[in-house]
Amino acid sequence: MSPKPAKDVAAMMSARHVAIIMDGNGRWAKRRGMPRSVGHQAGVNALKRTVEAAPQLGIEWLTVFGFSTENWRRPASEVSELMGLLKAYVKSDLARLEREGVRVRIIGRRDGLPADILAIIDDAEARTARNDRFNLQVAFNYGGRADITDAAVRFAADVAAGRIGPGGHLEAEFGRYLSTAAGPPPDLIVRTSGEQRLSNFLLWEAAYAEFVFQDILWPDYGPDALRAAVQEYMSRERRYGGVDADDVLAPG
């Protein structure tokens, strides 16, 4: 087998962008006879550990699913708790993130969010806007279908106004209307707790992502689990719809 070009090997070994569906807070608490709110708080601590570990594994972008557009269906008390977690995380970690060169972006719909949450989002993004060492995206009031729908509305308006013509690379043009347009698509999507579904997360962006499903509840997550997910990713070969040259030449 002929050796792969160095740049291909580098691409295969690099999980530049990792996205995580942080699942299992409620089950973690239930197994311990505790309220779900305790599980959510433990999940915030897991997020802190994971954000600290990611750059050491060569990850440049980390996107985490914090609150979905479907989470509004949960009991009002739990919705309030989930909102409070964003406030708690930003309050406890924003100074460190700012100091350590982490840029924070909150992706998702802003409509319908409480004024205090909007203020926290604006403050976090403004204070870290010049940072470029590491990128943390928190999907909050986010849904993949909602994001594509919102992008389609804006895209159609620009087409109707003549700002986008009928030619060109329309797929690439459309991608720039998504809330994730600032960064690369995810190389790896991880879901914890043993569940194996996307749950409306990064539907457009996940087209060629690798998936790793880990049977660990999110509050127990940390550097070792993240390293294991990246190592699993590194063992795979990404072809983006093509085939390896050796497969083309091989008989049969």
C-alpha atoms as a PDB file:
ATOM      1  CA  MET A   1       0.000   0.000   0.000  1.00  0.00           C
ATOM      2  CA  SER A   2       1.428   3.354  -0.998  1.00  0.00           C
ATOM      3  CA  PRO A   3       1.913   5.939   1.755  1.00  0.00           C
ATOM      4  CA  LYS A   4      -0.604   8.751   1.969  1.00  0.00           C
ATOM      5  CA  PRO A   5       0.522  12.328   1.332  1.00  0.00           C
ATOM      6  CA  ALA A   6       1.500  14.124   4.509  1.00  0.00           C
ATOM      7  CA  LYS A   7      -1.344  16.619   4.252  1.00  0.00           C
ATOM      8  CA  ASP A   8      -3.882  13.771   3.996  1.00  0.00           C
ATOM      9  CA  VAL A   9      -2.433  12.092   7.063  1.00  0.00           C
ATOM     10  CA  ALA A  10      -2.612  15.384   8.969  1.00  0.00           C
ATOM     11  CA  ALA A  11      -6.244  15.851   7.981  1.00  0.00           C
ATOM     12  CA  MET A  12      -7.067  12.296   9.003  1.00  0.00           C
ATOM     13  CA  MET A  13      -5.407  12.722  12.388  1.00  0.00           C
ATOM     14  CA  SER A  14      -6.911  16.094  13.255  1.00  0.00           C
ATOM     15  CA  ALA A  15     -10.260  16.602  14.938  1.00  0.00           C
ATOM     16  CA  ARG A  16     -10.205  20.342  14.469  1.00  0.00           C
ATOM     17  CA  HIS A  17     -13.866  20.797  15.373  1.00  0.00           C
ATOM     18  CA  VAL A  18     -15.637  18.569  17.902  1.00  0.00           C
ATOM     19  CA  ALA A  19     -19.326  18.932  18.679  1.00  0.00           C
ATOM     20  CA  ILE A  20     -20.913  17.298  21.712  1.00  0.00           C
ATOM     21  CA  ILE A  21     -24.506  16.456  22.575  1.00  0.00           C
ATOM     22  CA  MET A  22     -24.271  16.603  26.352  1.00  0.00           C
ATOM     23  CA  ASP A  23     -26.797  13.966  27.419  1.00  0.00           C
ATOM     24  CA  GLY A  24     -27.544  12.204  30.682  1.00  0.00           C
ATOM     25  CA  ASN A  25     -27.809  14.860  33.400  1.00  0.00           C
ATOM     26  CA  GLY A  26     -31.269  13.728  34.500  1.00  0.00           C
ATOM     27  CA  ARG A  27     -30.409  10.026  34.568  1.00  0.00           C
ATOM     28  CA  TRP A  28     -27.204  10.756  36.482  1.00  0.00           C
ATOM     29  CA  ALA A  29     -29.225  12.527  39.182  1.00  0.00           C
ATOM     30  CA  LYS A  30     -31.976   9.897  39.238  1.00  0.00           C
ATOM     31  CA  ARG A  31     -29.471   7.088  39.835  1.00  0.00           C
ATOM     32  CA  ARG A  32     -28.293   8.986  42.897  1.00  0.00           C
ATOM     33  CA  GLY A  33     -31.763   9.819  44.176  1.00  0.00           C
ATOM     34  CA  MET A  34     -31.208  13.516  43.557  1.00  0.00           C
ATOM     35  CA  PRO A  35     -33.254  16.214  41.790  1.00  0.00           C
ATOM     36  CA  ARG A  36     -32.590  16.760  38.079  1.00  0.00           C
ATOM     37  CA  SER A  37     -31.252  20.211  38.943  1.00  0.00           C
ATOM     38  CA  VAL A  38     -28.304  18.583  40.712  1.00  0.00           C
ATOM     39  CA  GLY A  39     -27.547  16.621  37.552  1.00  0.00           C
ATOM     40  CA  HIS A  40     -27.633  19.793  35.469  1.00  0.00           C
ATOM     41  CA  GLN A  41     -25.210  21.506  37.847  1.00  0.00           C
ATOM     42  CA  ALA A  42     -22.883  18.510  37.689  1.00  0.00           C
ATOM     43  CA  GLY A  43     -23.132  18.822  33.916  1.00  0.00           C
ATOM     44  CA  VAL A  44     -21.806  22.389  34.111  1.00  0.00           C
ATOM     45  CA  ASN A  45     -18.741  21.088  35.953  1.00  0.00           C
ATOM     46  CA  ALA A  46     -18.268  18.470  33.234  1.00  0.00           C
ATOM     47  CA  LEU A  47     -18.397  21.215  30.625  1.00  0.00           C
ATOM     48  CA  LYS A  48     -15.679  23.130  32.434  1.00  0.00           C
ATOM     49  CA  ARG A  49     -13.432  20.061  32.477  1.00  0.00           C
ATOM     50  CA  THR A  50     -14.080  19.372  28.811  1.00  0.00           C
ATOM     51  CA  VAL A  51     -13.415  22.932  27.662  1.00  0.00           C
ATOM     52  CA  GLU A  52     -10.122  22.945  29.561  1.00  0.00           C
ATOM     53  CA  ALA A  53      -9.061  19.622  28.041  1.00  0.00           C
ATOM     54  CA  ALA A  54     -10.031  20.270  24.419  1.00  0.00           C
ATOM     55  CA  PRO A  55      -7.115  22.507  23.330  1.00  0.00           C
ATOM     56  CA  GLN A  56      -4.621  20.013  24.752  1.00  0.00           C
ATOM     57  CA  LEU A  57      -5.999  17.426  22.311  1.00  0.00           C
ATOM     58  CA  GLY A  58      -5.496  19.669  19.291  1.00  0.00           C
ATOM     59  CA  ILE A  59      -9.133  20.728  19.131  1.00  0.00           C
ATOM     60  CA  GLU A  60      -9.624  24.294  17.907  1.00  0.00           C
ATOM     61  CA  TRP A  61     -13.428  24.468  17.920  1.00  0.00           C
ATOM     62  CA  LEU A  62     -15.813  22.942  20.451  1.00  0.00           C
ATOM     63  CA  THR A  63     -19.569  23.192  19.977  1.00  0.00           C
ATOM     64  CA  VAL A  64     -21.846  21.970  22.765  1.00  0.00           C
ATOM     65  CA  PHE A  65     -25.622  21.538  22.782  1.00  0.00           C
ATOM     66  CA  GLY A  66     -26.847  23.486  25.790  1.00  0.00           C
ATOM     67  CA  PHE A  67     -30.553  24.154  25.226  1.00  0.00           C
ATOM     68  CA  SER A  68     -32.652  23.104  22.245  1.00  0.00           C
ATOM     69  CA  THR A  69     -35.707  24.710  20.700  1.00  0.00           C
ATOM     70  CA  GLU A  70     -37.570  21.580  21.861  1.00  0.00           C
ATOM     71  CA  ASN A  71     -36.506  22.026  25.495  1.00  0.00           C
ATOM     72  CA  TRP A  72     -39.222  24.658  25.943  1.00  0.00           C
ATOM     73  CA  ARG A  73     -41.635  21.697  26.200  1.00  0.00           C
ATOM     74  CA  ARG A  74     -40.119  20.678  29.517  1.00  0.00           C
ATOM     75  CA  PRO A  75     -41.696  21.767  32.815  1.00  0.00           C
ATOM     76  CA  ALA A  76     -41.314  25.500  33.454  1.00  0.00           C
ATOM     77  CA  SER A  77     -39.222  24.836  36.543  1.00  0.00           C
ATOM     78  CA  GLU A  78     -36.678  22.812  34.563  1.00  0.00           C
ATOM     79  CA  VAL A  79     -36.575  25.381  31.756  1.00  0.00           C
ATOM     80  CA  SER A  80     -35.770  27.994  34.395  1.00  0.00           C
ATOM     81  CA  GLU A  81     -33.001  25.760  35.760  1.00  0.00           C
ATOM     82  CA  LEU A  82     -31.495  25.293  32.298  1.00  0.00           C
ATOM     83  CA  MET A  83     -31.534  29.045  31.729  1.00  0.00           C
ATOM     84  CA  GLY A  84     -29.841  29.488  35.076  1.00  0.00           C
ATOM     85  CA  LEU A  85     -27.079  27.094  34.098  1.00  0.00           C
ATOM     86  CA  LEU A  86     -25.945  29.338  31.252  1.00  0.00           C
ATOM     87  CA  LYS A  87     -25.820  32.232  33.687  1.00  0.00           C
ATOM     88  CA  ALA A  88     -23.929  30.132  36.225  1.00  0.00           C
ATOM     89  CA  TYR A  89     -21.392  28.908  33.684  1.00  0.00           C
ATOM     90  CA  VAL A  90     -20.702  32.353  32.246  1.00  0.00           C
ATOM     91  CA  LYS A  91     -20.519  33.941  35.691  1.00  0.00           C
ATOM     92  CA  SER A  92     -18.057  31.349  36.995  1.00  0.00           C
ATOM     93  CA  ASP A  93     -15.881  30.892  33.911  1.00  0.00           C
ATOM     94  CA  LEU A  94     -16.063  33.955  31.657  1.00  0.00           C
ATOM     95  CA  ALA A  95     -13.084  35.716  33.227  1.00  0.00           C
ATOM     96  CA  ARG A  96     -10.933  32.607  32.787  1.00  0.00           C
ATOM     97  CA  LEU A  97     -12.134  32.053  29.219  1.00  0.00           C
ATOM     98  CA  GLU A  98     -11.390  35.677  28.377  1.00  0.00           C
ATOM     99  CA  ARG A  99      -7.953  35.485  29.966  1.00  0.00           C
ATOM    100  CA  GLU A 100      -7.021  32.206  28.259  1.00  0.00           C
ATOM    101  CA  GLY A 101      -7.873  33.359  24.735  1.00  0.00           C
ATOM    102  CA  VAL A 102     -11.165  31.513  24.284  1.00  0.00           C
ATOM    103  CA  ARG A 103     -13.696  33.099  21.975  1.00  0.00           C
ATOM    104  CA  VAL A 104     -17.293  32.418  23.015  1.00  0.00           C
ATOM    105  CA  ARG A 105     -20.161  32.330  20.527  1.00  0.00           C
ATOM    106  CA  ILE A 106     -23.764  31.523  21.333  1.00  0.00           C
ATOM    107  CA  ILE A 107     -25.609  30.065  18.349  1.00  0.00           C
ATOM    108  CA  GLY A 108     -29.371  29.713  18.110  1.00  0.00           C
ATOM    109  CA  ARG A 109     -32.453  31.896  18.110  1.00  0.00           C
ATOM    110  CA  ARG A 110     -32.391  35.004  20.279  1.00  0.00           C
ATOM    111  CA  ASP A 111     -36.133  35.595  19.974  1.00  0.00           C
ATOM    112  CA  GLY A 112     -37.994  34.593  23.115  1.00  0.00           C
ATOM    113  CA  LEU A 113     -34.992  34.542  25.422  1.00  0.00           C
ATOM    114  CA  PRO A 114     -35.272  36.507  28.672  1.00  0.00           C
ATOM    115  CA  ALA A 115     -33.588  39.905  28.773  1.00  0.00           C
ATOM    116  CA  ASP A 116     -31.048  38.810  31.393  1.00  0.00           C
ATOM    117  CA  ILE A 117     -29.976  35.847  29.235  1.00  0.00           C
ATOM    118  CA  LEU A 118     -29.587  38.108  26.200  1.00  0.00           C
ATOM    119  CA  ALA A 119     -27.442  40.479  28.264  1.00  0.00           C
ATOM    120  CA  ILE A 120     -25.206  37.603  29.364  1.00  0.00           C
ATOM    121  CA  ILE A 121     -24.845  36.380  25.776  1.00  0.00           C
ATOM    122  CA  ASP A 122     -23.931  39.853  24.530  1.00  0.00           C
ATOM    123  CA  ASP A 123     -21.409  40.341  27.337  1.00  0.00           C
ATOM    124  CA  ALA A 124     -19.725  36.952  26.784  1.00  0.00           C
ATOM    125  CA  GLU A 125     -19.414  37.483  23.049  1.00  0.00           C
ATOM    126  CA  ALA A 126     -18.217  41.079  23.343  1.00  0.00           C
ATOM    127  CA  ARG A 127     -15.582  40.344  25.990  1.00  0.00           C
ATOM    128  CA  THR A 128     -14.074  37.454  24.039  1.00  0.00           C
ATOM    129  CA  ALA A 129     -14.504  38.808  20.493  1.00  0.00           C
ATOM    130  CA  ARG A 130     -10.762  39.362  19.967  1.00  0.00           C
ATOM    131  CA  ASN A 131      -9.680  35.951  21.267  1.00  0.00           C
ATOM    132  CA  ASP A 132      -8.392  33.401  18.781  1.00  0.00           C
ATOM    133  CA  ARG A 133      -6.648  30.631  20.726  1.00  0.00           C
ATOM    134  CA  PHE A 134      -9.750  28.439  21.001  1.00  0.00           C
ATOM    135  CA  ASN A 135     -13.394  28.706  19.946  1.00  0.00           C
ATOM    136  CA  LEU A 136     -16.297  27.656  22.146  1.00  0.00           C
ATOM    137  CA  GLN A 137     -19.764  27.623  20.605  1.00  0.00           C
ATOM    138  CA  VAL A 138     -22.764  27.021  22.831  1.00  0.00           C
ATOM    139  CA  ALA A 139     -25.925  26.014  20.993  1.00  0.00           C
ATOM    140  CA  PHE A 140     -28.621  27.668  23.079  1.00  0.00           C
ATOM    141  CA  ASN A 141     -32.262  27.849  22.009  1.00  0.00           C
ATOM    142  CA  TYR A 142     -30.931  26.023  18.986  1.00  0.00           C
ATOM    143  CA  GLY A 143     -32.406  23.449  16.640  1.00  0.00           C
ATOM    144  CA  GLY A 144     -30.943  22.259  13.362  1.00  0.00           C
ATOM    145  CA  ARG A 145     -34.237  22.511  11.505  1.00  0.00           C
ATOM    146  CA  ALA A 146     -34.951  25.955  12.950  1.00  0.00           C
ATOM    147  CA  ASP A 147     -31.496  27.170  11.944  1.00  0.00           C
ATOM    148  CA  ILE A 148     -31.908  25.892   8.380  1.00  0.00           C
ATOM    149  CA  THR A 149     -35.383  27.430   8.181  1.00  0.00           C
ATOM    150  CA  ASP A 150     -34.157  30.811   9.418  1.00  0.00           C
ATOM    151  CA  ALA A 151     -31.237  30.675   6.995  1.00  0.00           C
ATOM    152  CA  ALA A 152     -33.567  29.802   4.115  1.00  0.00           C
ATOM    153  CA  VAL A 153     -35.761  32.831   4.848  1.00  0.00           C
ATOM    154  CA  ARG A 154     -32.766  35.179   4.793  1.00  0.00           C
ATOM    155  CA  PHE A 155     -31.294  33.471   1.749  1.00  0.00           C
ATOM    156  CA  ALA A 156     -34.576  33.730  -0.187  1.00  0.00           C
ATOM    157  CA  ALA A 157     -34.873  37.417   0.693  1.00  0.00           C
ATOM    158  CA  ASP A 158     -31.410  38.093  -0.712  1.00  0.00           C
ATOM    159  CA  VAL A 159     -32.180  36.104  -3.857  1.00  0.00           C
ATOM    160  CA  ALA A 160     -35.400  38.070  -4.339  1.00  0.00           C
ATOM    161  CA  ALA A 161     -33.511  41.329  -3.839  1.00  0.00           C
ATOM    162  CA  GLY A 162     -30.932  40.358  -6.452  1.00  0.00           C
ATOM    163  CA  ARG A 163     -28.068  40.157  -3.976  1.00  0.00           C
ATOM    164  CA  ILE A 164     -27.529  36.503  -4.944  1.00  0.00           C
ATOM    165  CA  GLY A 165     -27.663  35.461  -8.586  1.00  0.00           C
ATOM    166  CA  PRO A 166     -28.827  32.159 -10.084  1.00  0.00           C
ATOM    167  CA  GLY A 167     -25.279  31.007 -10.839  1.00  0.00           C
ATOM    168  CA  GLY A 168     -22.359  30.315  -8.583  1.00  0.00           C
ATOM    169  CA  HIS A 169     -21.966  27.889  -5.698  1.00  0.00           C
ATOM    170  CA  LEU A 170     -25.392  28.210  -4.115  1.00  0.00           C
ATOM    171  CA  GLU A 171     -24.770  25.463  -1.564  1.00  0.00           C
ATOM    172  CA  ALA A 172     -21.729  27.274  -0.216  1.00  0.00           C
ATOM    173  CA  GLU A 173     -23.603  30.565  -0.353  1.00  0.00           C
ATOM    174  CA  PHE A 174     -26.456  29.098   1.666  1.00  0.00           C
ATOM    175  CA  GLY A 175     -24.100  27.779   4.323  1.00  0.00           C
ATOM    176  CA  ARG A 176     -23.035  31.320   5.118  1.00  0.00           C
ATOM    177  CA  TYR A 177     -26.565  32.076   6.350  1.00  0.00           C
ATOM    178  CA  LEU A 178     -26.422  29.482   9.114  1.00  0.00           C
ATOM    179  CA  SER A 179     -25.613  30.510  12.676  1.00  0.00           C
ATOM    180  CA  THR A 180     -22.515  28.289  12.509  1.00  0.00           C
ATOM    181  CA  ALA A 181     -21.059  30.063   9.459  1.00  0.00           C
ATOM    182  CA  ALA A 182     -18.134  31.523  11.423  1.00  0.00           C
ATOM    183  CA  GLY A 183     -16.452  28.157  11.854  1.00  0.00           C
ATOM    184  CA  PRO A 184     -15.639  24.931  10.013  1.00  0.00           C
ATOM    185  CA  PRO A 185     -18.097  22.019   9.946  1.00  0.00           C
ATOM    186  CA  PRO A 186     -17.592  19.496  12.745  1.00  0.00           C
ATOM    187  CA  ASP A 187     -15.104  16.719  12.134  1.00  0.00           C
ATOM    188  CA  LEU A 188     -16.494  14.703  15.016  1.00  0.00           C
ATOM    189  CA  ILE A 189     -19.877  14.662  16.744  1.00  0.00           C
ATOM    190  CA  VAL A 190     -20.021  12.966  20.141  1.00  0.00           C
ATOM    191  CA  ARG A 191     -23.139  11.974  22.027  1.00  0.00           C
ATOM    192  CA  THR A 192     -22.946  10.814  25.604  1.00  0.00           C
ATOM    193  CA  SER A 193     -25.238   8.568  27.710  1.00  0.00           C
ATOM    194  CA  GLY A 194     -25.386   5.738  25.174  1.00  0.00           C
ATOM    195  CA  GLU A 195     -28.107   7.287  23.010  1.00  0.00           C
ATOM    196  CA  GLN A 196     -27.468   7.169  19.267  1.00  0.00           C
ATOM    197  CA  ARG A 197     -29.297  10.002  17.545  1.00  0.00           C
ATOM    198  CA  LEU A 198     -28.641  13.597  16.485  1.00  0.00           C
ATOM    199  CA  SER A 199     -31.692  15.131  18.194  1.00  0.00           C
ATOM    200  CA  ASN A 200     -31.899  17.988  15.683  1.00  0.00           C
ATOM    201  CA  PHE A 201     -28.278  19.064  16.220  1.00  0.00           C
ATOM    202  CA  LEU A 202     -26.148  20.505  13.391  1.00  0.00           C
ATOM    203  CA  LEU A 203     -28.189  18.784  10.684  1.00  0.00           C
ATOM    204  CA  TRP A 204     -26.640  20.676   7.763  1.00  0.00           C
ATOM    205  CA  GLU A 205     -23.135  20.788   9.198  1.00  0.00           C
ATOM    206  CA  ALA A 206     -23.020  17.066  10.079  1.00  0.00           C
ATOM    207  CA  ALA A 207     -23.055  15.923   6.438  1.00  0.00           C
ATOM    208  CA  TYR A 208     -19.549  14.418   6.597  1.00  0.00           C
ATOM    209  CA  ALA A 209     -18.892  14.332  10.323  1.00  0.00           C
ATOM    210  CA  GLU A 210     -17.775  11.181  12.083  1.00  0.00           C
ATOM    211  CA  PHE A 211     -19.948  10.021  14.981  1.00  0.00           C
ATOM    212  CA  VAL A 212     -18.865   8.571  18.304  1.00  0.00           C
ATOM    213  CA  PHE A 213     -21.451   7.429  20.845  1.00  0.00           C
ATOM    214  CA  GLN A 214     -20.156   6.995  24.372  1.00  0.00           C
ATOM    215  CA  ASP A 215     -21.945   5.122  27.130  1.00  0.00           C
ATOM    216  CA  ILE A 216     -21.123   7.679  29.806  1.00  0.00           C
ATOM    217  CA  LEU A 217     -23.508  10.136  31.404  1.00  0.00           C
ATOM    218  CA  TRP A 218     -22.521  13.728  30.792  1.00  0.00           C
ATOM    219  CA  PRO A 219     -21.832  14.720  34.435  1.00  0.00           C
ATOM    220  CA  ASP A 220     -19.116  12.038  34.505  1.00  0.00           C
ATOM    221  CA  TYR A 221     -17.468  13.387  31.340  1.00  0.00           C
ATOM    222  CA  GLY A 222     -13.990  14.813  31.282  1.00  0.00           C
ATOM    223  CA  PRO A 223     -10.540  14.708  29.652  1.00  0.00           C
ATOM    224  CA  ASP A 224     -10.245  10.916  29.486  1.00  0.00           C
ATOM    225  CA  ALA A 225     -13.611  10.472  27.766  1.00  0.00           C
ATOM    226  CA  LEU A 226     -12.876  13.256  25.303  1.00  0.00           C
ATOM    227  CA  ARG A 227      -9.468  11.764  24.540  1.00  0.00           C
ATOM    228  CA  ALA A 228     -11.080   8.371  23.900  1.00  0.00           C
ATOM    229  CA  ALA A 229     -13.549   9.939  21.465  1.00  0.00           C
ATOM    230  CA  VAL A 230     -10.760  11.717  19.583  1.00  0.00           C
ATOM    231  CA  GLN A 231      -8.691   8.540  19.441  1.00  0.00           C
ATOM    232  CA  GLU A 232     -11.672   6.682  17.967  1.00  0.00           C
ATOM    233  CA  TYR A 233     -12.017   9.443  15.390  1.00  0.00           C
ATOM    234  CA  MET A 234      -8.317   9.249  14.538  1.00  0.00           C
ATOM    235  CA  SER A 235      -8.644   5.531  13.767  1.00  0.00           C
ATOM    236  CA  ARG A 236     -11.078   6.235  10.931  1.00  0.00           C
ATOM    237  CA  GLU A 237     -10.524   7.283   7.343  1.00  0.00           C
ATOM    238  CA  ARG A 238     -12.593  10.169   6.024  1.00  0.00           C
ATOM    239  CA  ARG A 239     -13.372  10.083   2.304  1.00  0.00           C
ATOM    240  CA  TYR A 240     -16.042  12.776   1.867  1.00  0.00           C
ATOM    241  CA  GLY A 241     -17.967  10.666  -0.617  1.00  0.00           C
ATOM    242  CA  GLY A 242     -14.884   9.600  -2.576  1.00  0.00           C
ATOM    243  CA  VAL A 243     -12.780   6.468  -2.470  1.00  0.00           C
ATOM    244  CA  ASP A 244      -9.220   5.773  -1.492  1.00  0.00           C
ATOM    245  CA  ALA A 245      -6.806   5.461  -4.413  1.00  0.00           C
ATOM    246  CA  ASP A 246      -5.813   1.997  -3.213  1.00  0.00           C
ATOM    247  CA  ASP A 247      -9.470   0.897  -3.316  1.00  0.00           C
ATOM    248  CA  VAL A 248      -9.751   2.100  -6.925  1.00  0.00           C
ATOM    249  CA  LEU A 249      -6.681   0.127  -8.010  1.00  0.00           C
ATOM    250  CA  ALA A 250      -7.381  -2.960  -5.966  1.00  0.00           C
ATOM    251  CA  PRO A 251      -8.871  -5.969  -7.811  1.00  0.00           C
ATOM    252  CA  GLY A 252     -12.559  -6.690  -7.122  1.00  0.00           C
END
